[in-house]
Amino acid sequence: MQKIFLSFILLVLLYSNIYAQEKERQNSLEAGKWALQFTIDQNFTLSNFEGSIASVKKQFSPRSALRLGLSLDFGRSNSKENDFIYNDTLNPQYSKRFYFSAFIYPTYLIYVNPNSPVNLYFGGGFTLGGSYRWHESEQSEEEGSYYAWEKTYSYGGGITGTVGVEFFPIKNFSILAEYFVSLQYANEVSSTVYTSPSNYQKREVTSDYVEFFGKRVNFGLAVYF
């Protein structure tokens, strides 16, 4: 992916040199402009550039902007299973699941030369958020009921950095390539309870994570308005 990113930069810089003598190309790096940014996935579908719900950028000036990404996931499920033999119901099983997560990604961007045909920019910001998961199940047997639940929640954040290039084929539309690095911390607590007619168990695990990664390259599109 890094090779693709470097190849893209070389191509756009070559394009910049070829058209360096032309009249300055118009773009939307203007104070007050907003943009929606989308990632081009590997299967050539579009998703939000930074965040699952929205990736929005506000241009403060030709040289500075603030991008805000928001990720939000939520889901729940209930299931019931019965085994029937003649008119009897044997071993009914119940299961419930619930999960929720939310993260924000604010990034401040600085453009090196907003009048250039190809705009190089740098950025810095942070991430912050958390998640919660719950799973509950119960199974009835002749000797009694077996019940278990598991609860996991985590929270964390970190600092991020980015470098990218943005090219405007037309004024209100741009193509982007961006390299992303991040240093993240997360704390996770997992609790499990299991009960049976003859046993009761409870377990709690607390974990801390520190991770640095710099392998994410985004290719995307931006629509300005």
C-alpha atoms as a PDB file:
ATOM      1  CA  MET A   1       0.000   0.000   0.000  1.00  0.00           C
ATOM      2  CA  GLN A   2       2.873   2.382   0.741  1.00  0.00           C
ATOM      3  CA  LYS A   3       4.259   1.734  -2.768  1.00  0.00           C
ATOM      4  CA  ILE A   4       0.905   2.650  -4.282  1.00  0.00           C
ATOM      5  CA  PHE A   5       0.832   5.819  -2.205  1.00  0.00           C
ATOM      6  CA  LEU A   6       4.337   6.846  -3.308  1.00  0.00           C
ATOM      7  CA  SER A   7       3.475   6.081  -6.932  1.00  0.00           C
ATOM      8  CA  PHE A   8       0.403   8.260  -6.678  1.00  0.00           C
ATOM      9  CA  ILE A   9       2.439  11.146  -5.253  1.00  0.00           C
ATOM     10  CA  LEU A  10       4.991  10.815  -8.077  1.00  0.00           C
ATOM     11  CA  LEU A  11       2.240  10.879 -10.684  1.00  0.00           C
ATOM     12  CA  VAL A  12       0.536  13.957  -9.293  1.00  0.00           C
ATOM     13  CA  LEU A  13       3.857  15.765  -8.876  1.00  0.00           C
ATOM     14  CA  LEU A  14       4.673  14.970 -12.505  1.00  0.00           C
ATOM     15  CA  TYR A  15       1.288  16.348 -13.489  1.00  0.00           C
ATOM     16  CA  SER A  16       2.033  19.457 -11.438  1.00  0.00           C
ATOM     17  CA  ASN A  17       5.323  20.020 -13.283  1.00  0.00           C
ATOM     18  CA  ILE A  18       3.731  19.518 -16.693  1.00  0.00           C
ATOM     19  CA  TYR A  19       1.098  22.144 -16.020  1.00  0.00           C
ATOM     20  CA  ALA A  20       3.251  24.468 -13.929  1.00  0.00           C
ATOM     21  CA  GLN A  21       3.271  27.051 -16.705  1.00  0.00           C
ATOM     22  CA  GLU A  22      -0.493  27.076 -17.049  1.00  0.00           C
ATOM     23  CA  LYS A  23      -2.805  29.540 -15.362  1.00  0.00           C
ATOM     24  CA  GLU A  24      -3.302  28.690 -11.689  1.00  0.00           C
ATOM     25  CA  ARG A  25      -5.917  25.988 -11.388  1.00  0.00           C
ATOM     26  CA  GLN A  26      -9.021  26.864  -9.369  1.00  0.00           C
ATOM     27  CA  ASN A  27      -9.858  24.869  -6.269  1.00  0.00           C
ATOM     28  CA  SER A  28     -12.137  25.022  -3.252  1.00  0.00           C
ATOM     29  CA  LEU A  29      -9.494  25.692  -0.603  1.00  0.00           C
ATOM     30  CA  GLU A  30     -11.349  28.817   0.483  1.00  0.00           C
ATOM     31  CA  ALA A  31     -12.479  30.093   3.870  1.00  0.00           C
ATOM     32  CA  GLY A  32     -15.970  28.889   4.713  1.00  0.00           C
ATOM     33  CA  LYS A  33     -16.031  25.920   2.347  1.00  0.00           C
ATOM     34  CA  TRP A  34     -17.307  22.533   3.582  1.00  0.00           C
ATOM     35  CA  ALA A  35     -16.455  19.121   2.163  1.00  0.00           C
ATOM     36  CA  LEU A  36     -17.708  15.562   2.448  1.00  0.00           C
ATOM     37  CA  GLN A  37     -14.867  13.065   2.056  1.00  0.00           C
ATOM     38  CA  PHE A  38     -15.148   9.454   0.928  1.00  0.00           C
ATOM     39  CA  THR A  39     -12.694   6.561   0.817  1.00  0.00           C
ATOM     40  CA  ILE A  40     -12.292   4.401  -2.272  1.00  0.00           C
ATOM     41  CA  ASP A  41     -12.231   0.854  -0.883  1.00  0.00           C
ATOM     42  CA  GLN A  42     -10.376  -2.057  -2.431  1.00  0.00           C
ATOM     43  CA  ASN A  43     -13.529  -3.199  -4.242  1.00  0.00           C
ATOM     44  CA  PHE A  44     -14.009   0.376  -5.550  1.00  0.00           C
ATOM     45  CA  THR A  45     -16.969   1.156  -3.321  1.00  0.00           C
ATOM     46  CA  LEU A  46     -17.239   4.434  -1.398  1.00  0.00           C
ATOM     47  CA  SER A  47     -17.242   4.816   2.390  1.00  0.00           C
ATOM     48  CA  ASN A  48     -16.562   7.749   4.680  1.00  0.00           C
ATOM     49  CA  PHE A  49     -12.932   8.900   4.673  1.00  0.00           C
ATOM     50  CA  GLU A  50     -12.520   8.883   8.451  1.00  0.00           C
ATOM     51  CA  GLY A  51     -15.411   7.421  10.423  1.00  0.00           C
ATOM     52  CA  SER A  52     -18.386   5.192   9.640  1.00  0.00           C
ATOM     53  CA  ILE A  53     -21.081   7.873  10.040  1.00  0.00           C
ATOM     54  CA  ALA A  54     -19.519  11.026   8.646  1.00  0.00           C
ATOM     55  CA  SER A  55     -16.277  12.579   7.507  1.00  0.00           C
ATOM     56  CA  VAL A  56     -16.679  16.338   7.158  1.00  0.00           C
ATOM     57  CA  LYS A  57     -14.088  19.049   6.607  1.00  0.00           C
ATOM     58  CA  LYS A  58     -14.427  22.788   7.267  1.00  0.00           C
ATOM     59  CA  GLN A  59     -11.981  25.101   5.508  1.00  0.00           C
ATOM     60  CA  PHE A  60     -10.944  28.021   7.744  1.00  0.00           C
ATOM     61  CA  SER A  61      -8.616  29.567   5.175  1.00  0.00           C
ATOM     62  CA  PRO A  62      -6.805  28.411   2.030  1.00  0.00           C
ATOM     63  CA  ARG A  63      -4.043  27.044   4.279  1.00  0.00           C
ATOM     64  CA  SER A  64      -5.954  25.528   7.209  1.00  0.00           C
ATOM     65  CA  ALA A  65      -8.938  23.251   7.796  1.00  0.00           C
ATOM     66  CA  LEU A  66     -10.504  21.007  10.416  1.00  0.00           C
ATOM     67  CA  ARG A  67     -11.744  17.528   9.573  1.00  0.00           C
ATOM     68  CA  LEU A  68     -14.073  15.606  11.865  1.00  0.00           C
ATOM     69  CA  GLY A  69     -14.737  11.903  11.514  1.00  0.00           C
ATOM     70  CA  LEU A  70     -17.408  10.083  13.518  1.00  0.00           C
ATOM     71  CA  SER A  71     -17.831   6.319  13.894  1.00  0.00           C
ATOM     72  CA  LEU A  72     -20.952   4.907  15.495  1.00  0.00           C
ATOM     73  CA  ASP A  73     -21.974   1.223  15.655  1.00  0.00           C
ATOM     74  CA  PHE A  74     -24.980  -0.284  17.408  1.00  0.00           C
ATOM     75  CA  GLY A  75     -26.736  -3.626  17.298  1.00  0.00           C
ATOM     76  CA  ARG A  76     -28.812  -6.091  19.279  1.00  0.00           C
ATOM     77  CA  SER A  77     -30.248  -9.564  18.777  1.00  0.00           C
ATOM     78  CA  ASN A  78     -32.511 -11.990  20.623  1.00  0.00           C
ATOM     79  CA  SER A  79     -32.819 -15.675  19.783  1.00  0.00           C
ATOM     80  CA  LYS A  80     -34.783 -18.619  21.110  1.00  0.00           C
ATOM     81  CA  GLU A  81     -34.312 -22.267  20.209  1.00  0.00           C
ATOM     82  CA  ASN A  82     -36.586 -25.178  21.105  1.00  0.00           C
ATOM     83  CA  ASP A  83     -36.299 -28.877  20.368  1.00  0.00           C
ATOM     84  CA  PHE A  84     -39.633 -30.677  19.951  1.00  0.00           C
ATOM     85  CA  ILE A  85     -40.256 -34.391  20.465  1.00  0.00           C
ATOM     86  CA  TYR A  86     -43.897 -35.314  19.994  1.00  0.00           C
ATOM     87  CA  ASN A  87     -45.757 -32.901  22.274  1.00  0.00           C
ATOM     88  CA  ASP A  88     -42.843 -32.144  24.581  1.00  0.00           C
ATOM     89  CA  THR A  89     -40.468 -29.180  24.386  1.00  0.00           C
ATOM     90  CA  LEU A  90     -36.932 -30.106  25.379  1.00  0.00           C
ATOM     91  CA  ASN A  91     -33.898 -28.009  26.199  1.00  0.00           C
ATOM     92  CA  PRO A  92     -35.081 -24.484  25.332  1.00  0.00           C
ATOM     93  CA  GLN A  93     -32.190 -22.082  24.715  1.00  0.00           C
ATOM     94  CA  TYR A  94     -32.182 -18.283  24.925  1.00  0.00           C
ATOM     95  CA  SER A  95     -29.557 -15.835  23.787  1.00  0.00           C
ATOM     96  CA  LYS A  96     -29.283 -12.039  23.821  1.00  0.00           C
ATOM     97  CA  ARG A  97     -26.576  -9.807  22.356  1.00  0.00           C
ATOM     98  CA  PHE A  98     -25.978  -6.083  22.430  1.00  0.00           C
ATOM     99  CA  TYR A  99     -23.060  -3.911  21.311  1.00  0.00           C
ATOM    100  CA  PHE A 100     -22.346  -0.228  20.980  1.00  0.00           C
ATOM    101  CA  SER A 101     -19.284   1.806  20.042  1.00  0.00           C
ATOM    102  CA  ALA A 102     -18.566   5.467  19.309  1.00  0.00           C
ATOM    103  CA  PHE A 103     -15.358   7.232  18.275  1.00  0.00           C
ATOM    104  CA  ILE A 104     -14.461  10.726  17.079  1.00  0.00           C
ATOM    105  CA  TYR A 105     -11.464  11.702  14.934  1.00  0.00           C
ATOM    106  CA  PRO A 106     -10.758  15.466  14.791  1.00  0.00           C
ATOM    107  CA  THR A 107      -7.765  16.398  12.620  1.00  0.00           C
ATOM    108  CA  TYR A 108      -6.317  19.842  11.959  1.00  0.00           C
ATOM    109  CA  LEU A 109      -4.923  20.179   8.424  1.00  0.00           C
ATOM    110  CA  ILE A 110      -2.328  22.612   7.047  1.00  0.00           C
ATOM    111  CA  TYR A 111      -1.882  23.077   3.281  1.00  0.00           C
ATOM    112  CA  VAL A 112       1.648  23.933   2.138  1.00  0.00           C
ATOM    113  CA  ASN A 113       0.739  25.783  -1.060  1.00  0.00           C
ATOM    114  CA  PRO A 114      -3.003  26.121  -1.709  1.00  0.00           C
ATOM    115  CA  ASN A 115      -2.382  27.714  -5.135  1.00  0.00           C
ATOM    116  CA  SER A 116      -0.497  24.687  -6.436  1.00  0.00           C
ATOM    117  CA  PRO A 117      -2.182  22.321  -8.944  1.00  0.00           C
ATOM    118  CA  VAL A 118      -1.440  19.532  -6.459  1.00  0.00           C
ATOM    119  CA  ASN A 119      -1.925  20.471  -2.814  1.00  0.00           C
ATOM    120  CA  LEU A 120       0.383  18.888  -0.242  1.00  0.00           C
ATOM    121  CA  TYR A 121      -0.944  18.952   3.324  1.00  0.00           C
ATOM    122  CA  PHE A 122       0.016  17.817   6.818  1.00  0.00           C
ATOM    123  CA  GLY A 123      -2.248  17.170   9.759  1.00  0.00           C
ATOM    124  CA  GLY A 124      -2.412  16.246  13.414  1.00  0.00           C
ATOM    125  CA  GLY A 125      -5.201  15.311  15.785  1.00  0.00           C
ATOM    126  CA  PHE A 126      -6.488  12.701  18.189  1.00  0.00           C
ATOM    127  CA  THR A 127      -8.998   9.907  18.576  1.00  0.00           C
ATOM    128  CA  LEU A 128     -11.327   9.302  21.510  1.00  0.00           C
ATOM    129  CA  GLY A 129     -14.088   6.799  22.160  1.00  0.00           C
ATOM    130  CA  GLY A 130     -15.206   3.518  23.619  1.00  0.00           C
ATOM    131  CA  SER A 131     -17.282   0.390  23.138  1.00  0.00           C
ATOM    132  CA  TYR A 132     -19.601  -1.879  25.120  1.00  0.00           C
ATOM    133  CA  ARG A 133     -20.601  -5.497  24.427  1.00  0.00           C
ATOM    134  CA  TRP A 134     -23.034  -7.777  26.248  1.00  0.00           C
ATOM    135  CA  HIS A 135     -23.891 -11.433  25.664  1.00  0.00           C
ATOM    136  CA  GLU A 136     -26.368 -13.429  27.747  1.00  0.00           C
ATOM    137  CA  SER A 137     -27.439 -17.040  27.258  1.00  0.00           C
ATOM    138  CA  GLU A 138     -29.502 -19.627  29.111  1.00  0.00           C
ATOM    139  CA  GLN A 139     -30.173 -23.294  28.482  1.00  0.00           C
ATOM    140  CA  SER A 140     -32.603 -25.498  30.379  1.00  0.00           C
ATOM    141  CA  GLU A 141     -31.816 -29.142  31.029  1.00  0.00           C
ATOM    142  CA  GLU A 142     -33.533 -31.832  33.053  1.00  0.00           C
ATOM    143  CA  GLU A 143     -31.166 -31.283  35.984  1.00  0.00           C
ATOM    144  CA  GLY A 144     -31.622 -27.504  35.967  1.00  0.00           C
ATOM    145  CA  SER A 145     -30.732 -24.294  34.181  1.00  0.00           C
ATOM    146  CA  TYR A 146     -27.348 -23.243  32.761  1.00  0.00           C
ATOM    147  CA  TYR A 147     -26.869 -19.513  32.570  1.00  0.00           C
ATOM    148  CA  ALA A 148     -23.949 -17.360  31.364  1.00  0.00           C
ATOM    149  CA  TRP A 149     -23.316 -13.747  30.557  1.00  0.00           C
ATOM    150  CA  GLU A 150     -20.305 -11.808  29.347  1.00  0.00           C
ATOM    151  CA  LYS A 151     -19.799  -8.058  29.515  1.00  0.00           C
ATOM    152  CA  THR A 152     -16.903  -6.178  27.924  1.00  0.00           C
ATOM    153  CA  TYR A 153     -16.309  -2.474  27.794  1.00  0.00           C
ATOM    154  CA  SER A 154     -13.306  -0.538  26.592  1.00  0.00           C
ATOM    155  CA  TYR A 155     -12.265   3.072  26.195  1.00  0.00           C
ATOM    156  CA  GLY A 156      -9.235   4.815  24.835  1.00  0.00           C
ATOM    157  CA  GLY A 157      -7.724   7.370  22.558  1.00  0.00           C
ATOM    158  CA  GLY A 158      -4.515   8.572  21.080  1.00  0.00           C
ATOM    159  CA  ILE A 159      -2.748  11.012  18.841  1.00  0.00           C
ATOM    160  CA  THR A 160      -2.680  10.892  15.055  1.00  0.00           C
ATOM    161  CA  GLY A 161      -0.637  12.353  12.235  1.00  0.00           C
ATOM    162  CA  THR A 162      -1.171  12.446   8.505  1.00  0.00           C
ATOM    163  CA  VAL A 163       0.406  13.606   5.263  1.00  0.00           C
ATOM    164  CA  GLY A 164      -1.418  13.691   1.963  1.00  0.00           C
ATOM    165  CA  VAL A 165      -1.920  15.230  -1.440  1.00  0.00           C
ATOM    166  CA  GLU A 166      -5.136  16.609  -2.902  1.00  0.00           C
ATOM    167  CA  PHE A 167      -5.758  17.323  -6.576  1.00  0.00           C
ATOM    168  CA  PHE A 168      -8.732  19.269  -7.991  1.00  0.00           C
ATOM    169  CA  PRO A 169      -9.694  18.185 -11.529  1.00  0.00           C
ATOM    170  CA  ILE A 170     -12.597  20.649 -11.173  1.00  0.00           C
ATOM    171  CA  LYS A 171     -13.267  23.353  -8.595  1.00  0.00           C
ATOM    172  CA  ASN A 172     -15.682  21.530  -6.273  1.00  0.00           C
ATOM    173  CA  PHE A 173     -14.296  18.016  -6.604  1.00  0.00           C
ATOM    174  CA  SER A 174     -10.941  16.595  -5.506  1.00  0.00           C
ATOM    175  CA  ILE A 175      -8.983  13.334  -5.431  1.00  0.00           C
ATOM    176  CA  LEU A 176      -6.927  12.500  -2.341  1.00  0.00           C
ATOM    177  CA  ALA A 177      -4.200  10.138  -1.211  1.00  0.00           C
ATOM    178  CA  GLU A 178      -3.297  10.169   2.471  1.00  0.00           C
ATOM    179  CA  TYR A 179      -0.883   8.292   4.722  1.00  0.00           C
ATOM    180  CA  PHE A 180      -1.940   7.885   8.349  1.00  0.00           C
ATOM    181  CA  VAL A 181      -0.002   7.138  11.565  1.00  0.00           C
ATOM    182  CA  SER A 182      -1.321   6.786  15.087  1.00  0.00           C
ATOM    183  CA  LEU A 183      -0.276   6.073  18.668  1.00  0.00           C
ATOM    184  CA  GLN A 184      -3.203   4.617  20.601  1.00  0.00           C
ATOM    185  CA  TYR A 185      -3.984   3.563  24.175  1.00  0.00           C
ATOM    186  CA  ALA A 186      -6.951   1.415  25.213  1.00  0.00           C
ATOM    187  CA  ASN A 187      -8.230  -0.063  28.465  1.00  0.00           C
ATOM    188  CA  GLU A 188     -10.548  -3.082  28.362  1.00  0.00           C
ATOM    189  CA  VAL A 189     -12.477  -4.800  31.155  1.00  0.00           C
ATOM    190  CA  SER A 190     -14.184  -8.137  30.556  1.00  0.00           C
ATOM    191  CA  SER A 191     -16.461  -9.866  33.068  1.00  0.00           C
ATOM    192  CA  THR A 192     -17.902 -13.369  32.720  1.00  0.00           C
ATOM    193  CA  VAL A 193     -20.394 -15.225  34.925  1.00  0.00           C
ATOM    194  CA  TYR A 194     -21.366 -18.869  34.506  1.00  0.00           C
ATOM    195  CA  THR A 195     -23.900 -20.731  36.666  1.00  0.00           C
ATOM    196  CA  SER A 196     -25.134 -24.295  36.617  1.00  0.00           C
ATOM    197  CA  PRO A 197     -27.142 -26.401  39.065  1.00  0.00           C
ATOM    198  CA  SER A 198     -23.916 -27.321  40.865  1.00  0.00           C
ATOM    199  CA  ASN A 199     -21.462 -24.548  40.015  1.00  0.00           C
ATOM    200  CA  TYR A 200     -20.947 -20.796  40.004  1.00  0.00           C
ATOM    201  CA  GLN A 201     -17.989 -19.082  38.342  1.00  0.00           C
ATOM    202  CA  LYS A 202     -17.101 -15.438  37.883  1.00  0.00           C
ATOM    203  CA  ARG A 203     -14.077 -14.080  36.061  1.00  0.00           C
ATOM    204  CA  GLU A 204     -12.868 -10.535  35.424  1.00  0.00           C
ATOM    205  CA  VAL A 205      -9.968  -9.567  33.167  1.00  0.00           C
ATOM    206  CA  THR A 206      -8.511  -6.062  32.789  1.00  0.00           C
ATOM    207  CA  SER A 207      -6.174  -5.304  29.895  1.00  0.00           C
ATOM    208  CA  ASP A 208      -4.215  -2.266  28.726  1.00  0.00           C
ATOM    209  CA  TYR A 209      -3.014  -1.793  25.159  1.00  0.00           C
ATOM    210  CA  VAL A 210      -0.559   0.622  23.590  1.00  0.00           C
ATOM    211  CA  GLU A 211      -0.199   0.415  19.828  1.00  0.00           C
ATOM    212  CA  PHE A 212       1.633   2.397  17.181  1.00  0.00           C
ATOM    213  CA  PHE A 213       0.771   1.841  13.542  1.00  0.00           C
ATOM    214  CA  GLY A 214       1.525   3.645  10.334  1.00  0.00           C
ATOM    215  CA  LYS A 215       0.241   1.343   7.650  1.00  0.00           C
ATOM    216  CA  ARG A 216      -3.062   2.885   6.650  1.00  0.00           C
ATOM    217  CA  VAL A 217      -3.222   4.640   3.295  1.00  0.00           C
ATOM    218  CA  ASN A 218      -6.497   6.180   2.177  1.00  0.00           C
ATOM    219  CA  PHE A 219      -7.418   6.981  -1.381  1.00  0.00           C
ATOM    220  CA  GLY A 220     -10.520   9.090  -1.592  1.00  0.00           C
ATOM    221  CA  LEU A 221     -12.738  11.734  -3.101  1.00  0.00           C
ATOM    222  CA  ALA A 222     -14.031  15.008  -1.690  1.00  0.00           C
ATOM    223  CA  VAL A 223     -17.085  17.018  -2.710  1.00  0.00           C
ATOM    224  CA  TYR A 224     -17.028  20.706  -1.720  1.00  0.00           C
ATOM    225  CA  PHE A 225     -20.005  22.978  -1.184  1.00  0.00           C
END
